[in-house]
């Protein structure tokens, strides 16, 4: 294709921009899902010491090793699922 590669500076700038967009989208999603779970808890009278109580299912992980190499990832993955709505945040 005879196209030049991407410089590390350009790659880092794009990675930063995508990371900021991804963080904003995740935060917005988490607030929306949390508000819906809170509303349902209040409608059903689920409170703990006067605070709406919601139940969530969570899981997460990170890369510790790869095949024939020692490796510790700087980041990981996680998911939170609201019990009432079955909506999730990654």
C-alpha atoms as a PDB file:
ATOM      1  CA  UNK A   1       0.000   0.000   0.000  1.00  0.00           C
ATOM      2  CA  UNK A   2       3.049   2.236   0.294  1.00  0.00           C
ATOM      3  CA  UNK A   3       1.602   4.270   3.154  1.00  0.00           C
ATOM      4  CA  UNK A   4       3.734   5.663   5.970  1.00  0.00           C
ATOM      5  CA  UNK A   5       3.382   4.348   9.518  1.00  0.00           C
ATOM      6  CA  UNK A   6       1.957   6.361  12.361  1.00  0.00           C
ATOM      7  CA  UNK A   7       4.501   8.136  14.560  1.00  0.00           C
ATOM      8  CA  UNK A   8       4.477   7.409  18.288  1.00  0.00           C
ATOM      9  CA  UNK A   9       3.549  11.057  18.970  1.00  0.00           C
ATOM     10  CA  UNK A  10       0.533  10.867  16.650  1.00  0.00           C
ATOM     11  CA  UNK A  11      -0.483   7.512  18.083  1.00  0.00           C
ATOM     12  CA  UNK A  12      -0.277   8.845  21.664  1.00  0.00           C
ATOM     13  CA  UNK A  13      -2.376  11.899  20.763  1.00  0.00           C
ATOM     14  CA  UNK A  14      -5.060   9.738  19.146  1.00  0.00           C
ATOM     15  CA  UNK A  15      -4.951   7.288  22.070  1.00  0.00           C
ATOM     16  CA  UNK A  16      -5.406  10.170  24.540  1.00  0.00           C
ATOM     17  CA  UNK A  17      -8.359  11.592  22.586  1.00  0.00           C
ATOM     18  CA  UNK A  18     -10.088   8.222  22.296  1.00  0.00           C
ATOM     19  CA  UNK A  19      -9.444   7.542  25.998  1.00  0.00           C
ATOM     20  CA  UNK A  20     -11.072  10.827  27.019  1.00  0.00           C
ATOM     21  CA  UNK A  21     -14.083  10.152  24.787  1.00  0.00           C
ATOM     22  CA  UNK A  22     -14.408   6.600  26.140  1.00  0.00           C
ATOM     23  CA  UNK A  23     -14.207   7.803  29.762  1.00  0.00           C
ATOM     24  CA  UNK A  24     -16.896  10.451  29.192  1.00  0.00           C
ATOM     25  CA  UNK A  25     -19.201   7.920  27.497  1.00  0.00           C
ATOM     26  CA  UNK A  26     -18.717   5.390  30.318  1.00  0.00           C
ATOM     27  CA  UNK A  27     -19.376   7.964  33.018  1.00  0.00           C
ATOM     28  CA  UNK A  28     -22.564   9.132  31.298  1.00  0.00           C
ATOM     29  CA  UNK A  29     -23.753   5.536  30.885  1.00  0.00           C
ATOM     30  CA  UNK A  30     -23.002   4.676  34.515  1.00  0.00           C
ATOM     31  CA  UNK A  31     -24.939   7.706  35.777  1.00  0.00           C
ATOM     32  CA  UNK A  32     -27.965   6.859  33.604  1.00  0.00           C
ATOM     33  CA  UNK A  33     -28.027   3.216  34.649  1.00  0.00           C
ATOM     34  CA  UNK A  34     -27.471   4.141  38.315  1.00  0.00           C
ATOM     35  CA  UNK A  35     -30.321   6.655  38.239  1.00  0.00           C
ATOM     36  CA  UNK A  36     -32.686   4.034  36.810  1.00  0.00           C
ATOM     37  CA  UNK A  37     -31.654   1.465  39.448  1.00  0.00           C
ATOM     38  CA  UNK A  38     -32.128   4.121  42.163  1.00  0.00           C
ATOM     39  CA  UNK A  39     -35.594   5.001  40.868  1.00  0.00           C
ATOM     40  CA  UNK A  40     -36.662   1.346  40.936  1.00  0.00           C
ATOM     41  CA  UNK A  41     -35.260   0.884  44.458  1.00  0.00           C
ATOM     42  CA  UNK A  42     -37.217   3.908  45.671  1.00  0.00           C
ATOM     43  CA  UNK A  43     -40.442   2.707  44.006  1.00  0.00           C
ATOM     44  CA  UNK A  44     -40.053  -0.688  45.698  1.00  0.00           C
ATOM     45  CA  UNK A  45     -39.143   0.794  49.082  1.00  0.00           C
ATOM     46  CA  UNK A  46     -35.621  -0.632  49.154  1.00  0.00           C
ATOM     47  CA  UNK A  47     -33.647   1.592  51.531  1.00  0.00           C
ATOM     48  CA  UNK A  48     -30.681   1.159  53.857  1.00  0.00           C
ATOM     49  CA  UNK A  49     -30.468   3.813  56.568  1.00  0.00           C
ATOM     50  CA  UNK A  50     -32.576   6.165  54.459  1.00  0.00           C
ATOM     51  CA  UNK A  51     -30.513   5.708  51.265  1.00  0.00           C
ATOM     52  CA  UNK A  52     -31.957   3.896  48.213  1.00  0.00           C
ATOM     53  CA  UNK A  53     -30.358   0.436  48.165  1.00  0.00           C
ATOM     54  CA  UNK A  54     -29.569  -1.240  44.849  1.00  0.00           C
ATOM     55  CA  UNK A  55     -28.069  -4.637  44.116  1.00  0.00           C
ATOM     56  CA  UNK A  56     -25.390  -5.039  41.458  1.00  0.00           C
ATOM     57  CA  UNK A  57     -23.394  -7.949  40.094  1.00  0.00           C
ATOM     58  CA  UNK A  58     -19.742  -7.205  39.356  1.00  0.00           C
ATOM     59  CA  UNK A  59     -16.732  -8.936  37.858  1.00  0.00           C
ATOM     60  CA  UNK A  60     -13.352  -7.850  36.635  1.00  0.00           C
ATOM     61  CA  UNK A  61      -9.840  -8.923  35.796  1.00  0.00           C
ATOM     62  CA  UNK A  62      -6.529  -8.030  34.247  1.00  0.00           C
ATOM     63  CA  UNK A  63      -3.757  -9.745  32.327  1.00  0.00           C
ATOM     64  CA  UNK A  64      -1.177 -11.187  34.681  1.00  0.00           C
ATOM     65  CA  UNK A  65       0.702 -13.435  32.277  1.00  0.00           C
ATOM     66  CA  UNK A  66       0.777 -14.396  28.633  1.00  0.00           C
ATOM     67  CA  UNK A  67       2.071 -17.526  26.957  1.00  0.00           C
ATOM     68  CA  UNK A  68       5.756 -18.032  27.880  1.00  0.00           C
ATOM     69  CA  UNK A  69       6.122 -14.448  29.131  1.00  0.00           C
ATOM     70  CA  UNK A  70       5.823 -12.673  32.459  1.00  0.00           C
ATOM     71  CA  UNK A  71       3.404  -9.778  32.061  1.00  0.00           C
ATOM     72  CA  UNK A  72       1.488  -7.402  34.315  1.00  0.00           C
ATOM     73  CA  UNK A  73      -1.042  -5.192  32.523  1.00  0.00           C
ATOM     74  CA  UNK A  74      -1.376  -1.546  33.515  1.00  0.00           C
ATOM     75  CA  UNK A  75      -5.145  -1.681  33.067  1.00  0.00           C
ATOM     76  CA  UNK A  76      -7.924  -4.195  33.359  1.00  0.00           C
ATOM     77  CA  UNK A  77     -11.555  -4.840  32.598  1.00  0.00           C
ATOM     78  CA  UNK A  78     -14.653  -4.701  34.764  1.00  0.00           C
ATOM     79  CA  UNK A  79     -18.402  -4.933  34.395  1.00  0.00           C
ATOM     80  CA  UNK A  80     -21.251  -3.868  36.676  1.00  0.00           C
ATOM     81  CA  UNK A  81     -24.772  -5.192  36.061  1.00  0.00           C
ATOM     82  CA  UNK A  82     -27.819  -3.729  37.803  1.00  0.00           C
ATOM     83  CA  UNK A  83     -30.036  -6.474  39.198  1.00  0.00           C
ATOM     84  CA  UNK A  84     -33.336  -4.679  38.597  1.00  0.00           C
ATOM     85  CA  UNK A  85     -32.732  -3.434  35.047  1.00  0.00           C
ATOM     86  CA  UNK A  86     -30.095  -5.919  33.829  1.00  0.00           C
ATOM     87  CA  UNK A  87     -28.332  -2.877  32.329  1.00  0.00           C
ATOM     88  CA  UNK A  88     -24.569  -2.897  32.490  1.00  0.00           C
ATOM     89  CA  UNK A  89     -21.558  -0.612  32.596  1.00  0.00           C
ATOM     90  CA  UNK A  90     -18.167  -1.758  31.345  1.00  0.00           C
END
